[in-house]
Amino acid sequence: MKIAICPGSFDPVTYGHLNIIERSAALVDHLIVAVFRNPNKHSMFTMEERLDMLKETTKHLPNVEVDAFDGLLNEYAEARNCHLLIRGLRAFSDFEYEFQRALLLKKVNPTLETAFFMTEGKYSFLSSTGVRELACFGGNVSKLVPPYVQQVIEAKFKSDKSEA
């Protein structure tokens, strides 16, 4: 069975993420979309919210599993009996960063391979950071995220305003 892991913070999941997930899921038997905690980033959404958004937006893909992990990606991959990582790229600057990470992981675990997927051009500008910033100032994110994710974003900002 060909198993791959598509790791990310998915804070929130965007159409760019889904483009990579859908295309890579078509090439493997089982794709694990793994949400990780990045201690270097302040997340807008809780782990549970990110898992929920991913589960809802990937439910049409029967071979996709959504999971969460803490710690080292190579250890998570080993625990899941996986030797293939999927990394999405938007621009050359993404490649440079991801290439260095892939080389480091290869040094730590020589059996772990990384495949790079370029997102479709129409999503090359799209990032979770941009979506969060736009949403923070009341911008329309409907063309950037799936409808369910838009609902979660709107609910998040309504609850934040009512708490203020």
N, C-alpha and C. Protein backbone atom coordinates (compact mmCIF):
# COMPACT_ATOMS: atom_id res chain seq x y z
N MET A 1 0.85 -1.18 0.00
CA MET A 1 0.00 0.00 0.00
C MET A 1 0.90 1.24 0.00
N LYS A 2 0.63 2.16 -0.90
CA LYS A 2 1.36 3.41 -0.95
C LYS A 2 0.71 4.42 -0.01
N ILE A 3 1.46 4.80 1.02
CA ILE A 3 0.98 5.76 2.02
C ILE A 3 1.83 7.02 1.92
N ALA A 4 1.18 8.17 1.95
CA ALA A 4 1.89 9.44 1.96
C ALA A 4 1.32 10.32 3.06
N ILE A 5 2.15 11.24 3.52
CA ILE A 5 1.73 12.22 4.52
C ILE A 5 1.87 13.61 3.90
N CYS A 6 0.82 14.39 4.03
CA CYS A 6 0.83 15.78 3.61
C CYS A 6 0.74 16.63 4.89
N PRO A 7 1.89 17.06 5.42
CA PRO A 7 1.88 17.79 6.69
C PRO A 7 1.70 19.30 6.49
N GLY A 8 1.15 19.94 7.50
CA GLY A 8 1.02 21.40 7.46
C GLY A 8 0.31 21.90 8.69
N SER A 9 0.26 23.22 8.81
CA SER A 9 -0.46 23.80 9.94
C SER A 9 -1.92 24.05 9.58
N PHE A 10 -2.23 24.28 8.32
CA PHE A 10 -3.61 24.42 7.84
C PHE A 10 -4.42 25.38 8.72
N ASP A 11 -3.93 26.59 8.85
CA ASP A 11 -4.50 27.57 9.79
C ASP A 11 -4.96 28.84 9.08
N PRO A 12 -6.04 28.80 8.30
CA PRO A 12 -6.98 27.72 8.01
C PRO A 12 -6.62 27.02 6.69
N VAL A 13 -7.37 25.96 6.39
CA VAL A 13 -7.22 25.26 5.12
C VAL A 13 -7.75 26.17 4.01
N THR A 14 -7.02 26.22 2.90
CA THR A 14 -7.38 27.07 1.76
C THR A 14 -7.63 26.20 0.53
N TYR A 15 -8.11 26.85 -0.53
CA TYR A 15 -8.26 26.13 -1.80
C TYR A 15 -6.91 25.65 -2.32
N GLY A 16 -5.84 26.35 -2.02
CA GLY A 16 -4.51 25.90 -2.41
C GLY A 16 -4.14 24.60 -1.73
N HIS A 17 -4.42 24.50 -0.43
CA HIS A 17 -4.18 23.25 0.28
C HIS A 17 -4.99 22.11 -0.35
N LEU A 18 -6.27 22.38 -0.60
CA LEU A 18 -7.13 21.33 -1.15
C LEU A 18 -6.67 20.89 -2.53
N ASN A 19 -6.14 21.81 -3.31
CA ASN A 19 -5.60 21.46 -4.62
C ASN A 19 -4.48 20.43 -4.49
N ILE A 20 -3.57 20.66 -3.57
CA ILE A 20 -2.46 19.73 -3.34
C ILE A 20 -2.99 18.40 -2.78
N ILE A 21 -3.90 18.46 -1.83
CA ILE A 21 -4.45 17.26 -1.20
C ILE A 21 -5.16 16.39 -2.24
N GLU A 22 -6.02 16.99 -3.04
CA GLU A 22 -6.79 16.22 -4.02
C GLU A 22 -5.87 15.58 -5.06
N ARG A 23 -4.90 16.31 -5.55
CA ARG A 23 -4.01 15.79 -6.58
C ARG A 23 -3.10 14.69 -6.03
N SER A 24 -2.61 14.86 -4.81
CA SER A 24 -1.73 13.83 -4.26
C SER A 24 -2.54 12.60 -3.83
N ALA A 25 -3.76 12.78 -3.36
CA ALA A 25 -4.60 11.64 -2.98
C ALA A 25 -4.88 10.74 -4.18
N ALA A 26 -4.90 11.30 -5.37
CA ALA A 26 -5.15 10.52 -6.58
C ALA A 26 -3.97 9.61 -6.93
N LEU A 27 -2.82 9.83 -6.32
CA LEU A 27 -1.60 9.09 -6.67
C LEU A 27 -1.18 8.04 -5.65
N VAL A 28 -1.84 8.03 -4.49
CA VAL A 28 -1.47 7.07 -3.44
C VAL A 28 -2.71 6.32 -2.98
N ASP A 29 -2.46 5.22 -2.28
CA ASP A 29 -3.58 4.44 -1.75
C ASP A 29 -4.19 5.11 -0.52
N HIS A 30 -3.33 5.74 0.28
CA HIS A 30 -3.78 6.35 1.54
C HIS A 30 -2.98 7.62 1.77
N LEU A 31 -3.68 8.72 1.93
CA LEU A 31 -3.03 10.00 2.20
C LEU A 31 -3.42 10.47 3.60
N ILE A 32 -2.42 10.71 4.42
CA ILE A 32 -2.64 11.24 5.76
C ILE A 32 -2.36 12.74 5.71
N VAL A 33 -3.38 13.54 5.94
CA VAL A 33 -3.20 14.98 6.04
C VAL A 33 -2.98 15.25 7.52
N ALA A 34 -1.73 15.60 7.84
CA ALA A 34 -1.31 15.68 9.24
C ALA A 34 -1.14 17.14 9.66
N VAL A 35 -1.95 17.54 10.61
CA VAL A 35 -1.88 18.89 11.16
C VAL A 35 -0.88 18.88 12.31
N PHE A 36 0.08 19.78 12.24
CA PHE A 36 1.06 19.81 13.32
C PHE A 36 1.02 21.14 14.05
N ARG A 37 1.45 21.07 15.28
CA ARG A 37 1.58 22.28 16.09
C ARG A 37 2.94 22.88 15.79
N ASN A 38 2.94 24.11 15.36
CA ASN A 38 4.20 24.81 15.10
C ASN A 38 4.43 25.78 16.25
N PRO A 39 5.38 25.49 17.12
CA PRO A 39 5.61 26.35 18.28
C PRO A 39 6.13 27.74 17.89
N ASN A 40 6.56 27.90 16.63
CA ASN A 40 7.06 29.20 16.17
C ASN A 40 5.96 30.09 15.62
N LYS A 41 4.75 29.57 15.53
CA LYS A 41 3.62 30.34 15.00
C LYS A 41 2.52 30.44 16.04
N HIS A 42 1.84 31.57 16.03
CA HIS A 42 0.64 31.73 16.85
C HIS A 42 -0.55 31.38 15.96
N SER A 43 -1.24 30.31 16.27
CA SER A 43 -2.35 29.84 15.45
C SER A 43 -3.62 30.61 15.76
N MET A 44 -4.37 30.90 14.71
CA MET A 44 -5.68 31.53 14.89
C MET A 44 -6.71 30.49 15.35
N PHE A 45 -6.57 29.29 14.82
CA PHE A 45 -7.53 28.24 15.12
C PHE A 45 -6.90 27.17 16.00
N THR A 46 -7.71 26.60 16.86
CA THR A 46 -7.23 25.51 17.72
C THR A 46 -6.95 24.29 16.85
N MET A 47 -6.24 23.35 17.41
CA MET A 47 -5.99 22.10 16.70
C MET A 47 -7.31 21.43 16.34
N GLU A 48 -8.26 21.43 17.26
CA GLU A 48 -9.55 20.80 17.01
C GLU A 48 -10.29 21.49 15.87
N GLU A 49 -10.22 22.81 15.80
CA GLU A 49 -10.88 23.55 14.72
C GLU A 49 -10.23 23.24 13.37
N ARG A 50 -8.91 23.16 13.35
CA ARG A 50 -8.22 22.86 12.09
C ARG A 50 -8.52 21.44 11.63
N LEU A 51 -8.55 20.50 12.57
CA LEU A 51 -8.91 19.13 12.22
C LEU A 51 -10.33 19.07 11.67
N ASP A 52 -11.24 19.76 12.31
CA ASP A 52 -12.63 19.79 11.87
C ASP A 52 -12.74 20.36 10.46
N MET A 53 -12.07 21.47 10.19
CA MET A 53 -12.14 22.08 8.85
C MET A 53 -11.59 21.13 7.80
N LEU A 54 -10.49 20.46 8.10
CA LEU A 54 -9.91 19.53 7.13
C LEU A 54 -10.80 18.31 6.91
N LYS A 55 -11.35 17.77 7.99
CA LYS A 55 -12.23 16.60 7.84
C LYS A 55 -13.44 16.95 6.98
N GLU A 56 -14.02 18.11 7.22
CA GLU A 56 -15.20 18.52 6.47
C GLU A 56 -14.87 18.77 5.00
N THR A 57 -13.74 19.38 4.72
CA THR A 57 -13.41 19.75 3.34
C THR A 57 -12.75 18.63 2.54
N THR A 58 -12.39 17.53 3.21
CA THR A 58 -11.81 16.39 2.49
C THR A 58 -12.70 15.15 2.54
N LYS A 59 -13.91 15.31 3.04
CA LYS A 59 -14.77 14.13 3.22
C LYS A 59 -15.15 13.47 1.89
N HIS A 60 -14.98 14.18 0.78
CA HIS A 60 -15.27 13.61 -0.54
C HIS A 60 -14.12 12.73 -1.05
N LEU A 61 -13.03 12.65 -0.30
CA LEU A 61 -11.86 11.86 -0.69
C LEU A 61 -11.76 10.63 0.22
N PRO A 62 -12.21 9.47 -0.24
CA PRO A 62 -12.29 8.30 0.64
C PRO A 62 -10.94 7.78 1.14
N ASN A 63 -9.86 8.10 0.46
CA ASN A 63 -8.56 7.58 0.89
C ASN A 63 -7.75 8.59 1.70
N VAL A 64 -8.42 9.65 2.17
CA VAL A 64 -7.75 10.68 2.96
C VAL A 64 -8.14 10.54 4.43
N GLU A 65 -7.13 10.54 5.26
CA GLU A 65 -7.30 10.53 6.71
C GLU A 65 -6.73 11.84 7.26
N VAL A 66 -7.42 12.45 8.17
CA VAL A 66 -6.94 13.67 8.82
C VAL A 66 -6.48 13.30 10.22
N ASP A 67 -5.28 13.74 10.57
CA ASP A 67 -4.70 13.39 11.86
C ASP A 67 -3.91 14.59 12.38
N ALA A 68 -3.48 14.51 13.62
CA ALA A 68 -2.67 15.57 14.23
C ALA A 68 -1.44 14.95 14.87
N PHE A 69 -0.38 15.75 14.95
CA PHE A 69 0.82 15.26 15.62
C PHE A 69 1.62 16.40 16.21
N ASP A 70 2.38 16.05 17.22
CA ASP A 70 3.36 16.93 17.84
C ASP A 70 4.72 16.29 17.63
N GLY A 71 5.74 17.09 17.60
CA GLY A 71 7.08 16.52 17.54
C GLY A 71 7.66 16.49 16.15
N LEU A 72 8.55 15.52 15.95
CA LEU A 72 9.31 15.44 14.71
C LEU A 72 8.53 14.70 13.63
N LEU A 73 8.54 15.28 12.44
CA LEU A 73 7.82 14.69 11.31
C LEU A 73 8.38 13.32 10.95
N ASN A 74 9.69 13.15 10.98
CA ASN A 74 10.26 11.85 10.63
C ASN A 74 9.81 10.76 11.62
N GLU A 75 9.66 11.10 12.88
CA GLU A 75 9.18 10.12 13.86
C GLU A 75 7.71 9.79 13.64
N TYR A 76 6.94 10.81 13.29
CA TYR A 76 5.52 10.58 12.99
C TYR A 76 5.39 9.68 11.75
N ALA A 77 6.18 9.96 10.72
CA ALA A 77 6.14 9.15 9.50
C ALA A 77 6.52 7.70 9.80
N GLU A 78 7.53 7.51 10.61
CA GLU A 78 7.95 6.15 10.97
C GLU A 78 6.84 5.42 11.73
N ALA A 79 6.20 6.13 12.65
CA ALA A 79 5.12 5.52 13.43
C ALA A 79 3.93 5.14 12.55
N ARG A 80 3.74 5.87 11.45
CA ARG A 80 2.63 5.61 10.52
C ARG A 80 3.05 4.70 9.36
N ASN A 81 4.28 4.18 9.42
CA ASN A 81 4.80 3.30 8.37
C ASN A 81 4.75 3.97 7.00
N CYS A 82 5.17 5.21 6.97
CA CYS A 82 5.12 6.01 5.75
C CYS A 82 6.53 6.44 5.36
N HIS A 83 6.79 6.40 4.04
CA HIS A 83 8.11 6.79 3.53
C HIS A 83 8.02 7.90 2.49
N LEU A 84 6.85 8.53 2.37
CA LEU A 84 6.67 9.58 1.37
C LEU A 84 5.95 10.78 1.97
N LEU A 85 6.57 11.93 1.84
CA LEU A 85 5.98 13.19 2.27
C LEU A 85 5.58 14.00 1.05
N ILE A 86 4.45 14.67 1.14
CA ILE A 86 3.97 15.55 0.07
C ILE A 86 4.09 16.98 0.58
N ARG A 87 4.78 17.81 -0.17
CA ARG A 87 4.92 19.22 0.20
C ARG A 87 4.40 20.08 -0.95
N GLY A 88 3.53 21.01 -0.61
CA GLY A 88 2.98 21.92 -1.60
C GLY A 88 3.87 23.14 -1.77
N LEU A 89 3.97 23.61 -3.00
CA LEU A 89 4.79 24.78 -3.32
C LEU A 89 3.95 25.80 -4.08
N ARG A 90 4.14 27.07 -3.73
CA ARG A 90 3.48 28.15 -4.45
C ARG A 90 4.45 28.89 -5.35
N ALA A 91 5.66 29.08 -4.87
CA ALA A 91 6.64 29.90 -5.58
C ALA A 91 8.04 29.35 -5.31
N PHE A 92 9.01 29.88 -6.01
CA PHE A 92 10.38 29.42 -5.86
C PHE A 92 10.85 29.58 -4.42
N SER A 93 10.44 30.62 -3.74
CA SER A 93 10.84 30.82 -2.35
C SER A 93 10.37 29.67 -1.47
N ASP A 94 9.21 29.10 -1.75
CA ASP A 94 8.74 27.92 -1.02
C ASP A 94 9.66 26.74 -1.29
N PHE A 95 10.08 26.59 -2.54
CA PHE A 95 10.94 25.46 -2.90
C PHE A 95 12.25 25.49 -2.12
N GLU A 96 12.86 26.64 -2.04
CA GLU A 96 14.15 26.74 -1.34
C GLU A 96 14.00 26.28 0.13
N TYR A 97 12.99 26.78 0.79
CA TYR A 97 12.73 26.42 2.18
C TYR A 97 12.42 24.92 2.31
N GLU A 98 11.51 24.43 1.49
CA GLU A 98 11.09 23.02 1.58
C GLU A 98 12.22 22.08 1.16
N PHE A 99 13.04 22.49 0.20
CA PHE A 99 14.17 21.68 -0.24
C PHE A 99 15.15 21.47 0.91
N GLN A 100 15.45 22.52 1.66
CA GLN A 100 16.34 22.40 2.81
C GLN A 100 15.75 21.48 3.87
N ARG A 101 14.47 21.61 4.11
CA ARG A 101 13.81 20.73 5.08
C ARG A 101 13.86 19.28 4.63
N ALA A 102 13.63 19.04 3.33
CA ALA A 102 13.64 17.69 2.79
C ALA A 102 15.03 17.07 2.92
N LEU A 103 16.07 17.86 2.67
CA LEU A 103 17.44 17.35 2.80
C LEU A 103 17.76 17.00 4.25
N LEU A 104 17.30 17.82 5.17
CA LEU A 104 17.52 17.54 6.59
C LEU A 104 16.81 16.24 6.99
N LEU A 105 15.55 16.09 6.58
CA LEU A 105 14.81 14.87 6.90
C LEU A 105 15.47 13.64 6.27
N LYS A 106 15.99 13.81 5.06
CA LYS A 106 16.67 12.70 4.38
C LYS A 106 17.93 12.29 5.14
N LYS A 107 18.61 13.26 5.73
CA LYS A 107 19.80 12.98 6.53
C LYS A 107 19.43 12.21 7.79
N VAL A 108 18.32 12.60 8.41
CA VAL A 108 17.86 11.97 9.64
C VAL A 108 17.28 10.58 9.36
N ASN A 109 16.55 10.46 8.25
CA ASN A 109 15.93 9.19 7.88
C ASN A 109 16.09 8.98 6.37
N PRO A 110 17.11 8.25 5.93
CA PRO A 110 17.39 8.06 4.50
C PRO A 110 16.27 7.39 3.71
N THR A 111 15.33 6.73 4.39
CA THR A 111 14.23 6.07 3.66
C THR A 111 13.05 7.00 3.41
N LEU A 112 13.09 8.20 3.94
CA LEU A 112 11.99 9.14 3.82
C LEU A 112 12.18 10.02 2.58
N GLU A 113 11.24 9.92 1.66
CA GLU A 113 11.29 10.70 0.41
C GLU A 113 10.31 11.87 0.50
N THR A 114 10.61 12.94 -0.21
CA THR A 114 9.73 14.10 -0.27
C THR A 114 9.38 14.36 -1.73
N ALA A 115 8.09 14.49 -2.02
CA ALA A 115 7.62 14.86 -3.35
C ALA A 115 7.05 16.27 -3.27
N PHE A 116 7.44 17.11 -4.21
CA PHE A 116 6.97 18.49 -4.25
C PHE A 116 5.87 18.63 -5.30
N PHE A 117 4.77 19.24 -4.89
CA PHE A 117 3.66 19.50 -5.79
C PHE A 117 3.48 21.00 -5.94
N MET A 118 3.55 21.47 -7.17
CA MET A 118 3.25 22.88 -7.43
C MET A 118 1.75 23.04 -7.42
N THR A 119 1.26 24.04 -6.72
CA THR A 119 -0.17 24.30 -6.75
C THR A 119 -0.54 24.86 -8.12
N GLU A 120 -1.79 24.76 -8.47
CA GLU A 120 -2.24 25.37 -9.71
C GLU A 120 -1.96 26.87 -9.64
N GLY A 121 -1.64 27.46 -10.79
CA GLY A 121 -1.28 28.87 -10.84
C GLY A 121 -2.30 29.80 -10.20
N LYS A 122 -3.56 29.46 -10.30
CA LYS A 122 -4.60 30.34 -9.74
C LYS A 122 -4.54 30.42 -8.22
N TYR A 123 -3.76 29.52 -7.58
CA TYR A 123 -3.62 29.55 -6.13
C TYR A 123 -2.22 29.97 -5.68
N SER A 124 -1.37 30.36 -6.60
CA SER A 124 0.04 30.60 -6.28
C SER A 124 0.24 31.78 -5.31
N PHE A 125 -0.71 32.65 -5.19
CA PHE A 125 -0.62 33.78 -4.28
C PHE A 125 -1.21 33.48 -2.90
N LEU A 126 -1.89 32.36 -2.79
CA LEU A 126 -2.75 32.08 -1.64
C LEU A 126 -1.98 31.47 -0.47
N SER A 127 -2.16 32.06 0.70
CA SER A 127 -1.55 31.53 1.92
C SER A 127 -2.55 31.65 3.07
N SER A 128 -2.38 30.80 4.06
CA SER A 128 -3.22 30.89 5.26
C SER A 128 -3.01 32.23 5.95
N THR A 129 -1.78 32.70 5.95
CA THR A 129 -1.48 34.00 6.58
C THR A 129 -2.28 35.10 5.91
N GLY A 130 -2.29 35.11 4.58
CA GLY A 130 -3.06 36.12 3.85
C GLY A 130 -4.54 36.04 4.15
N VAL A 131 -5.07 34.83 4.22
CA VAL A 131 -6.49 34.63 4.54
C VAL A 131 -6.79 35.16 5.94
N ARG A 132 -5.93 34.83 6.89
CA ARG A 132 -6.15 35.31 8.27
C ARG A 132 -6.14 36.84 8.33
N GLU A 133 -5.17 37.45 7.66
CA GLU A 133 -5.08 38.91 7.67
C GLU A 133 -6.29 39.55 7.01
N LEU A 134 -6.71 39.01 5.88
CA LEU A 134 -7.89 39.55 5.19
C LEU A 134 -9.13 39.41 6.06
N ALA A 135 -9.31 38.25 6.65
CA ALA A 135 -10.47 38.00 7.51
C ALA A 135 -10.45 38.89 8.74
N CYS A 136 -9.28 39.13 9.28
CA CYS A 136 -9.14 39.94 10.49
C CYS A 136 -9.69 41.36 10.28
N PHE A 137 -9.56 41.85 9.06
CA PHE A 137 -10.02 43.20 8.76
C PHE A 137 -11.37 43.20 8.04
N GLY A 138 -12.08 42.08 8.10
CA GLY A 138 -13.43 42.00 7.56
C GLY A 138 -13.49 41.78 6.07
N GLY A 139 -12.41 41.38 5.45
CA GLY A 139 -12.40 41.14 4.01
C GLY A 139 -13.13 39.87 3.63
N ASN A 140 -13.50 39.78 2.37
CA ASN A 140 -14.22 38.64 1.84
C ASN A 140 -13.24 37.54 1.46
N VAL A 141 -13.35 36.38 2.09
CA VAL A 141 -12.45 35.26 1.83
C VAL A 141 -13.14 34.14 1.06
N SER A 142 -14.32 34.39 0.52
CA SER A 142 -15.13 33.34 -0.11
C SER A 142 -14.46 32.71 -1.32
N LYS A 143 -13.58 33.40 -2.00
CA LYS A 143 -12.91 32.83 -3.17
C LYS A 143 -11.57 32.18 -2.81
N LEU A 144 -11.23 32.20 -1.53
CA LEU A 144 -9.94 31.70 -1.07
C LEU A 144 -10.04 30.41 -0.27
N VAL A 145 -11.19 30.18 0.33
CA VAL A 145 -11.41 29.02 1.19
C VAL A 145 -12.76 28.38 0.86
N PRO A 146 -12.91 27.09 1.15
CA PRO A 146 -14.21 26.44 0.94
C PRO A 146 -15.29 27.08 1.82
N PRO A 147 -16.56 26.94 1.40
CA PRO A 147 -17.66 27.56 2.16
C PRO A 147 -17.67 27.20 3.65
N TYR A 148 -17.40 25.95 3.99
CA TYR A 148 -17.41 25.56 5.41
C TYR A 148 -16.33 26.32 6.18
N VAL A 149 -15.16 26.45 5.60
CA VAL A 149 -14.07 27.17 6.25
C VAL A 149 -14.43 28.65 6.40
N GLN A 150 -15.08 29.20 5.40
CA GLN A 150 -15.54 30.59 5.50
C GLN A 150 -16.50 30.75 6.68
N GLN A 151 -17.41 29.81 6.85
CA GLN A 151 -18.34 29.86 7.98
C GLN A 151 -17.61 29.82 9.32
N VAL A 152 -16.59 28.96 9.41
CA VAL A 152 -15.82 28.84 10.65
C VAL A 152 -15.07 30.14 10.92
N ILE A 153 -14.50 30.73 9.89
CA ILE A 153 -13.78 32.00 10.03
C ILE A 153 -14.73 33.09 10.51
N GLU A 154 -15.88 33.19 9.86
CA GLU A 154 -16.86 34.22 10.25
C GLU A 154 -17.33 34.02 11.69
N ALA A 155 -17.57 32.78 12.08
CA ALA A 155 -18.00 32.50 13.45
C ALA A 155 -16.90 32.86 14.44
N LYS A 156 -15.67 32.60 14.07
CA LYS A 156 -14.53 32.92 14.95
C LYS A 156 -14.47 34.42 15.20
N PHE A 157 -14.64 35.22 14.16
CA PHE A 157 -14.54 36.67 14.34
C PHE A 157 -15.76 37.25 15.03
N LYS A 158 -16.92 36.63 14.84
CA LYS A 158 -18.11 37.08 15.57
C LYS A 158 -17.93 36.83 17.07
N SER A 159 -17.40 35.65 17.42
CA SER A 159 -17.22 35.34 18.84
C SER A 159 -16.12 36.20 19.45
N ASP A 160 -15.08 36.51 18.67
CA ASP A 160 -14.00 37.38 19.17
C ASP A 160 -14.53 38.79 19.44
N LYS A 161 -15.41 39.28 18.57
CA LYS A 161 -15.96 40.63 18.76
C LYS A 161 -16.91 40.68 19.95
N SER A 162 -17.67 39.58 20.14
CA SER A 162 -18.61 39.58 21.27
C SER A 162 -17.90 39.47 22.62
N GLU A 163 -16.67 38.91 22.58
CA GLU A 163 -15.90 38.80 23.83
C GLU A 163 -15.18 40.08 24.16
N ALA A 164 -15.02 40.96 23.17
CA ALA A 164 -14.26 42.21 23.40
C ALA A 164 -15.05 43.24 24.16
